[in-house]
Amino acid sequence: MTYVVTDNCIACKYTDCVEVCPVDCFYEGENTLVIHPDECIDCGVCEPECPADAIRPDTDADMDKWVEFNRKYAELWPVILSKKDPMPGYEERDGEEGKLEKYFSEASGEGG
């Protein structure tokens, strides 16, 4: 099992999860985070830290696409090691449907 970030993170990008990760397997895009599924040690400490409930185990239904999504962008984006402020407007976008199609950017974040 591994944990992955889903579309609930897009356009919110809370980073509470980053601070508790013992193996630094979070990577930062312009408007979302991903977890490298091959680096995740399945400890689960990140899941309850996410205010948007965007981190899910790959054993949940329909997670295969998110495992591949997370792997793809973790290999392109820089690692993020410390907490940052969420994105402007995160309160309005938290829980919004269709965020992948509406807001996702393939651009890299700053990392750090």
N, C-alpha and C. Protein backbone atom coordinates (compact mmCIF):
# COMPACT_ATOMS: atom_id res chain seq x y z
N MET A 1 0.84 -1.19 0.00
CA MET A 1 0.00 0.00 0.00
C MET A 1 0.88 1.25 0.00
N THR A 2 0.37 2.30 -0.60
CA THR A 2 1.01 3.61 -0.57
C THR A 2 -0.09 4.66 -0.44
N TYR A 3 0.30 5.85 -0.13
CA TYR A 3 -0.65 6.97 -0.07
C TYR A 3 -0.39 7.86 -1.27
N VAL A 4 -1.47 8.50 -1.76
CA VAL A 4 -1.37 9.40 -2.89
C VAL A 4 -2.22 10.64 -2.65
N VAL A 5 -1.87 11.70 -3.34
CA VAL A 5 -2.63 12.94 -3.29
C VAL A 5 -3.65 12.92 -4.43
N THR A 6 -4.87 13.33 -4.13
CA THR A 6 -5.93 13.37 -5.14
C THR A 6 -6.25 14.83 -5.49
N ASP A 7 -7.26 15.01 -6.34
CA ASP A 7 -7.58 16.35 -6.85
C ASP A 7 -8.11 17.31 -5.79
N ASN A 8 -8.44 16.84 -4.62
CA ASN A 8 -8.86 17.77 -3.56
C ASN A 8 -7.76 18.75 -3.19
N CYS A 9 -6.51 18.41 -3.45
CA CYS A 9 -5.38 19.28 -3.13
C CYS A 9 -5.25 20.44 -4.13
N ILE A 10 -5.66 20.22 -5.35
CA ILE A 10 -5.47 21.21 -6.42
C ILE A 10 -6.15 22.53 -6.06
N ALA A 11 -5.40 23.61 -6.22
CA ALA A 11 -5.85 24.98 -5.97
C ALA A 11 -6.06 25.29 -4.49
N CYS A 12 -5.70 24.36 -3.63
CA CYS A 12 -5.67 24.62 -2.18
C CYS A 12 -4.21 24.54 -1.71
N LYS A 13 -3.60 23.40 -1.96
CA LYS A 13 -2.20 23.11 -1.66
C LYS A 13 -1.84 23.41 -0.21
N TYR A 14 -2.59 22.80 0.70
CA TYR A 14 -2.16 22.81 2.09
C TYR A 14 -0.86 22.01 2.16
N THR A 15 0.01 22.37 3.05
CA THR A 15 1.28 21.64 3.16
C THR A 15 1.52 21.10 4.56
N ASP A 16 0.47 20.97 5.34
CA ASP A 16 0.58 20.41 6.69
C ASP A 16 1.21 19.01 6.64
N CYS A 17 0.88 18.25 5.61
CA CYS A 17 1.35 16.89 5.43
C CYS A 17 2.86 16.79 5.28
N VAL A 18 3.45 17.79 4.67
CA VAL A 18 4.88 17.79 4.38
C VAL A 18 5.71 17.72 5.66
N GLU A 19 5.29 18.45 6.66
CA GLU A 19 6.05 18.52 7.91
C GLU A 19 6.09 17.21 8.67
N VAL A 20 5.09 16.36 8.52
CA VAL A 20 5.06 15.11 9.29
C VAL A 20 5.65 13.92 8.54
N CYS A 21 5.92 14.08 7.26
CA CYS A 21 6.43 12.96 6.46
C CYS A 21 7.87 12.61 6.88
N PRO A 22 8.09 11.38 7.34
CA PRO A 22 9.43 11.00 7.80
C PRO A 22 10.42 10.70 6.68
N VAL A 23 9.94 10.57 5.44
CA VAL A 23 10.84 10.22 4.34
C VAL A 23 10.89 11.27 3.23
N ASP A 24 10.28 12.41 3.43
CA ASP A 24 10.33 13.51 2.45
C ASP A 24 9.95 13.06 1.05
N CYS A 25 8.76 12.47 0.93
CA CYS A 25 8.33 11.96 -0.38
C CYS A 25 7.26 12.83 -1.03
N PHE A 26 7.10 14.08 -0.56
CA PHE A 26 6.17 15.02 -1.19
C PHE A 26 6.90 15.89 -2.19
N TYR A 27 6.23 16.16 -3.31
CA TYR A 27 6.80 16.98 -4.38
C TYR A 27 5.80 18.08 -4.71
N GLU A 28 6.33 19.25 -5.08
CA GLU A 28 5.49 20.43 -5.23
C GLU A 28 5.33 20.88 -6.66
N GLY A 29 4.08 20.96 -7.07
CA GLY A 29 3.73 21.58 -8.33
C GLY A 29 3.27 23.01 -8.07
N GLU A 30 2.97 23.72 -9.12
CA GLU A 30 2.53 25.11 -8.99
C GLU A 30 1.30 25.24 -8.10
N ASN A 31 0.34 24.31 -8.23
CA ASN A 31 -0.89 24.45 -7.44
C ASN A 31 -1.37 23.17 -6.77
N THR A 32 -0.48 22.20 -6.60
CA THR A 32 -0.81 20.98 -5.88
C THR A 32 0.46 20.28 -5.42
N LEU A 33 0.28 19.26 -4.61
CA LEU A 33 1.38 18.40 -4.18
C LEU A 33 1.12 16.99 -4.68
N VAL A 34 2.17 16.18 -4.74
CA VAL A 34 2.04 14.76 -5.01
C VAL A 34 2.97 14.00 -4.08
N ILE A 35 2.71 12.72 -3.92
CA ILE A 35 3.56 11.82 -3.14
C ILE A 35 4.20 10.84 -4.12
N HIS A 36 5.49 10.63 -3.99
CA HIS A 36 6.12 9.62 -4.84
C HIS A 36 5.75 8.25 -4.28
N PRO A 37 4.95 7.47 -5.01
CA PRO A 37 4.47 6.20 -4.46
C PRO A 37 5.56 5.17 -4.20
N ASP A 38 6.70 5.30 -4.85
CA ASP A 38 7.79 4.36 -4.63
C ASP A 38 8.64 4.76 -3.42
N GLU A 39 8.50 5.98 -2.95
CA GLU A 39 9.25 6.45 -1.78
C GLU A 39 8.42 6.41 -0.51
N CYS A 40 7.11 6.45 -0.64
CA CYS A 40 6.20 6.42 0.51
C CYS A 40 6.39 5.11 1.27
N ILE A 41 6.51 5.21 2.60
CA ILE A 41 6.69 4.00 3.42
C ILE A 41 5.38 3.54 4.05
N ASP A 42 4.28 4.10 3.61
CA ASP A 42 2.95 3.67 4.03
C ASP A 42 2.69 3.86 5.52
N CYS A 43 3.33 4.85 6.12
CA CYS A 43 3.14 5.05 7.56
C CYS A 43 1.80 5.69 7.87
N GLY A 44 1.25 6.47 6.93
CA GLY A 44 -0.07 7.05 7.11
C GLY A 44 -0.15 8.30 7.95
N VAL A 45 0.98 8.84 8.42
CA VAL A 45 0.90 10.02 9.28
C VAL A 45 0.44 11.26 8.53
N CYS A 46 0.60 11.29 7.23
CA CYS A 46 0.19 12.46 6.44
C CYS A 46 -1.33 12.55 6.26
N GLU A 47 -1.98 11.42 6.16
CA GLU A 47 -3.41 11.41 5.82
C GLU A 47 -4.26 12.26 6.77
N PRO A 48 -4.16 12.10 8.09
CA PRO A 48 -5.00 12.92 8.97
C PRO A 48 -4.58 14.38 9.06
N GLU A 49 -3.40 14.72 8.56
CA GLU A 49 -2.92 16.10 8.60
C GLU A 49 -3.49 16.97 7.50
N CYS A 50 -4.08 16.36 6.48
CA CYS A 50 -4.57 17.12 5.33
C CYS A 50 -5.96 17.70 5.60
N PRO A 51 -6.07 19.03 5.70
CA PRO A 51 -7.38 19.64 5.95
C PRO A 51 -8.39 19.42 4.83
N ALA A 52 -7.90 19.15 3.61
CA ALA A 52 -8.78 18.96 2.46
C ALA A 52 -9.13 17.49 2.22
N ASP A 53 -8.63 16.60 3.05
CA ASP A 53 -8.87 15.16 2.88
C ASP A 53 -8.45 14.71 1.47
N ALA A 54 -7.30 15.22 1.03
CA ALA A 54 -6.82 14.93 -0.32
C ALA A 54 -5.86 13.75 -0.38
N ILE A 55 -5.44 13.23 0.75
CA ILE A 55 -4.49 12.12 0.78
C ILE A 55 -5.26 10.84 1.08
N ARG A 56 -5.13 9.88 0.17
CA ARG A 56 -5.88 8.64 0.29
C ARG A 56 -4.95 7.44 0.09
N PRO A 57 -5.27 6.31 0.71
CA PRO A 57 -4.49 5.10 0.44
C PRO A 57 -4.82 4.56 -0.94
N ASP A 58 -3.84 3.92 -1.57
CA ASP A 58 -4.09 3.39 -2.91
C ASP A 58 -5.04 2.21 -2.91
N THR A 59 -5.44 1.74 -1.74
CA THR A 59 -6.39 0.64 -1.64
C THR A 59 -7.84 1.12 -1.78
N ASP A 60 -8.07 2.44 -1.72
CA ASP A 60 -9.41 2.97 -1.98
C ASP A 60 -9.79 2.70 -3.44
N ALA A 61 -11.06 2.71 -3.73
CA ALA A 61 -11.55 2.47 -5.10
C ALA A 61 -11.04 3.54 -6.07
N ASP A 62 -10.72 3.12 -7.27
CA ASP A 62 -10.33 4.01 -8.37
C ASP A 62 -9.07 4.83 -8.08
N MET A 63 -8.12 4.28 -7.38
CA MET A 63 -6.90 5.01 -7.06
C MET A 63 -5.77 4.78 -8.06
N ASP A 64 -5.91 3.82 -8.96
CA ASP A 64 -4.83 3.53 -9.91
C ASP A 64 -4.41 4.76 -10.69
N LYS A 65 -5.37 5.55 -11.16
CA LYS A 65 -5.04 6.76 -11.93
C LYS A 65 -4.28 7.77 -11.07
N TRP A 66 -4.60 7.82 -9.77
CA TRP A 66 -3.91 8.76 -8.89
C TRP A 66 -2.51 8.29 -8.53
N VAL A 67 -2.31 6.98 -8.46
CA VAL A 67 -0.96 6.46 -8.23
C VAL A 67 -0.07 6.87 -9.40
N GLU A 68 -0.55 6.69 -10.61
CA GLU A 68 0.24 7.06 -11.80
C GLU A 68 0.42 8.57 -11.91
N PHE A 69 -0.61 9.33 -11.59
CA PHE A 69 -0.53 10.78 -11.59
C PHE A 69 0.55 11.24 -10.60
N ASN A 70 0.53 10.71 -9.39
CA ASN A 70 1.51 11.08 -8.37
C ASN A 70 2.92 10.68 -8.81
N ARG A 71 3.08 9.49 -9.36
CA ARG A 71 4.40 9.03 -9.81
C ARG A 71 4.94 9.95 -10.91
N LYS A 72 4.10 10.25 -11.88
CA LYS A 72 4.53 11.07 -13.01
C LYS A 72 5.06 12.43 -12.55
N TYR A 73 4.30 13.12 -11.71
CA TYR A 73 4.70 14.47 -11.32
C TYR A 73 5.76 14.49 -10.23
N ALA A 74 5.84 13.45 -9.42
CA ALA A 74 6.91 13.37 -8.43
C ALA A 74 8.27 13.26 -9.12
N GLU A 75 8.29 12.70 -10.30
CA GLU A 75 9.53 12.57 -11.04
C GLU A 75 9.90 13.86 -11.80
N LEU A 76 8.97 14.80 -11.87
CA LEU A 76 9.20 16.05 -12.58
C LEU A 76 9.38 17.26 -11.66
N TRP A 77 8.75 17.22 -10.51
CA TRP A 77 8.72 18.38 -9.62
C TRP A 77 9.73 18.27 -8.49
N PRO A 78 10.08 19.40 -7.85
CA PRO A 78 11.04 19.37 -6.74
C PRO A 78 10.40 18.89 -5.44
N VAL A 79 11.23 18.31 -4.59
CA VAL A 79 10.77 17.87 -3.28
C VAL A 79 10.44 19.10 -2.44
N ILE A 80 9.44 18.97 -1.59
CA ILE A 80 9.07 20.04 -0.66
C ILE A 80 9.27 19.49 0.75
N LEU A 81 9.96 20.25 1.58
CA LEU A 81 10.33 19.77 2.90
C LEU A 81 9.72 20.55 4.05
N SER A 82 9.17 21.72 3.76
CA SER A 82 8.64 22.54 4.86
C SER A 82 7.27 23.11 4.50
N LYS A 83 6.52 23.42 5.54
CA LYS A 83 5.17 23.94 5.39
C LYS A 83 5.18 25.34 4.80
N LYS A 84 4.23 25.60 3.92
CA LYS A 84 4.02 26.91 3.31
C LYS A 84 2.55 27.27 3.48
N ASP A 85 2.23 28.52 3.23
CA ASP A 85 0.84 28.94 3.28
C ASP A 85 0.06 28.30 2.14
N PRO A 86 -1.23 27.99 2.36
CA PRO A 86 -2.05 27.48 1.26
C PRO A 86 -2.22 28.55 0.18
N MET A 87 -2.75 28.16 -0.94
CA MET A 87 -2.93 29.07 -2.06
C MET A 87 -4.01 30.11 -1.78
N PRO A 88 -3.89 31.29 -2.36
CA PRO A 88 -4.98 32.27 -2.21
C PRO A 88 -6.29 31.69 -2.74
N GLY A 89 -7.36 31.91 -2.03
CA GLY A 89 -8.67 31.40 -2.43
C GLY A 89 -8.93 29.96 -2.03
N TYR A 90 -8.02 29.38 -1.23
CA TYR A 90 -8.18 27.97 -0.87
C TYR A 90 -9.49 27.69 -0.14
N GLU A 91 -9.99 28.66 0.63
CA GLU A 91 -11.22 28.42 1.38
C GLU A 91 -12.39 28.13 0.44
N GLU A 92 -12.47 28.87 -0.66
CA GLU A 92 -13.57 28.69 -1.62
C GLU A 92 -13.42 27.41 -2.44
N ARG A 93 -12.19 26.96 -2.65
CA ARG A 93 -11.96 25.80 -3.53
C ARG A 93 -11.90 24.48 -2.78
N ASP A 94 -11.78 24.52 -1.47
CA ASP A 94 -11.70 23.30 -0.67
C ASP A 94 -12.99 22.50 -0.85
N GLY A 95 -12.86 21.29 -1.39
CA GLY A 95 -14.01 20.41 -1.61
C GLY A 95 -14.73 20.61 -2.93
N GLU A 96 -14.29 21.54 -3.74
CA GLU A 96 -14.92 21.79 -5.04
C GLU A 96 -14.75 20.58 -5.96
N GLU A 97 -15.74 20.28 -6.74
CA GLU A 97 -15.69 19.17 -7.70
C GLU A 97 -14.98 19.59 -8.99
N GLY A 98 -14.36 18.63 -9.67
CA GLY A 98 -13.77 18.87 -10.99
C GLY A 98 -12.52 19.73 -11.00
N LYS A 99 -11.77 19.74 -9.92
CA LYS A 99 -10.60 20.62 -9.83
C LYS A 99 -9.48 20.22 -10.79
N LEU A 100 -9.34 18.94 -11.09
CA LEU A 100 -8.30 18.51 -12.02
C LEU A 100 -8.50 19.16 -13.39
N GLU A 101 -9.71 19.13 -13.88
CA GLU A 101 -10.02 19.70 -15.19
C GLU A 101 -10.01 21.23 -15.17
N LYS A 102 -10.43 21.83 -14.08
CA LYS A 102 -10.55 23.28 -14.01
C LYS A 102 -9.25 24.01 -13.72
N TYR A 103 -8.42 23.45 -12.83
CA TYR A 103 -7.30 24.24 -12.28
C TYR A 103 -5.91 23.63 -12.40
N PHE A 104 -5.79 22.34 -12.65
CA PHE A 104 -4.48 21.70 -12.58
C PHE A 104 -3.46 22.33 -13.52
N SER A 105 -2.26 22.56 -12.99
CA SER A 105 -1.14 23.07 -13.77
C SER A 105 -0.01 22.05 -13.70
N GLU A 106 0.60 21.75 -14.83
CA GLU A 106 1.76 20.85 -14.85
C GLU A 106 3.04 21.55 -14.44
N ALA A 107 2.99 22.86 -14.25
CA ALA A 107 4.19 23.63 -13.90
C ALA A 107 4.71 23.21 -12.53
N SER A 108 5.99 23.30 -12.41
CA SER A 108 6.66 22.97 -11.16
C SER A 108 6.46 24.04 -10.11
N GLY A 109 6.49 23.61 -8.85
CA GLY A 109 6.50 24.55 -7.75
C GLY A 109 7.93 24.92 -7.42
N GLU A 110 8.12 25.63 -6.32
CA GLU A 110 9.45 26.08 -5.91
C GLU A 110 10.21 25.00 -5.16
N GLY A 111 9.49 24.08 -4.49
CA GLY A 111 10.16 23.09 -3.66
C GLY A 111 10.72 23.75 -2.41
N GLY A 112 11.53 23.02 -1.71
CA GLY A 112 12.19 23.59 -0.53
C GLY A 112 11.61 23.17 0.78
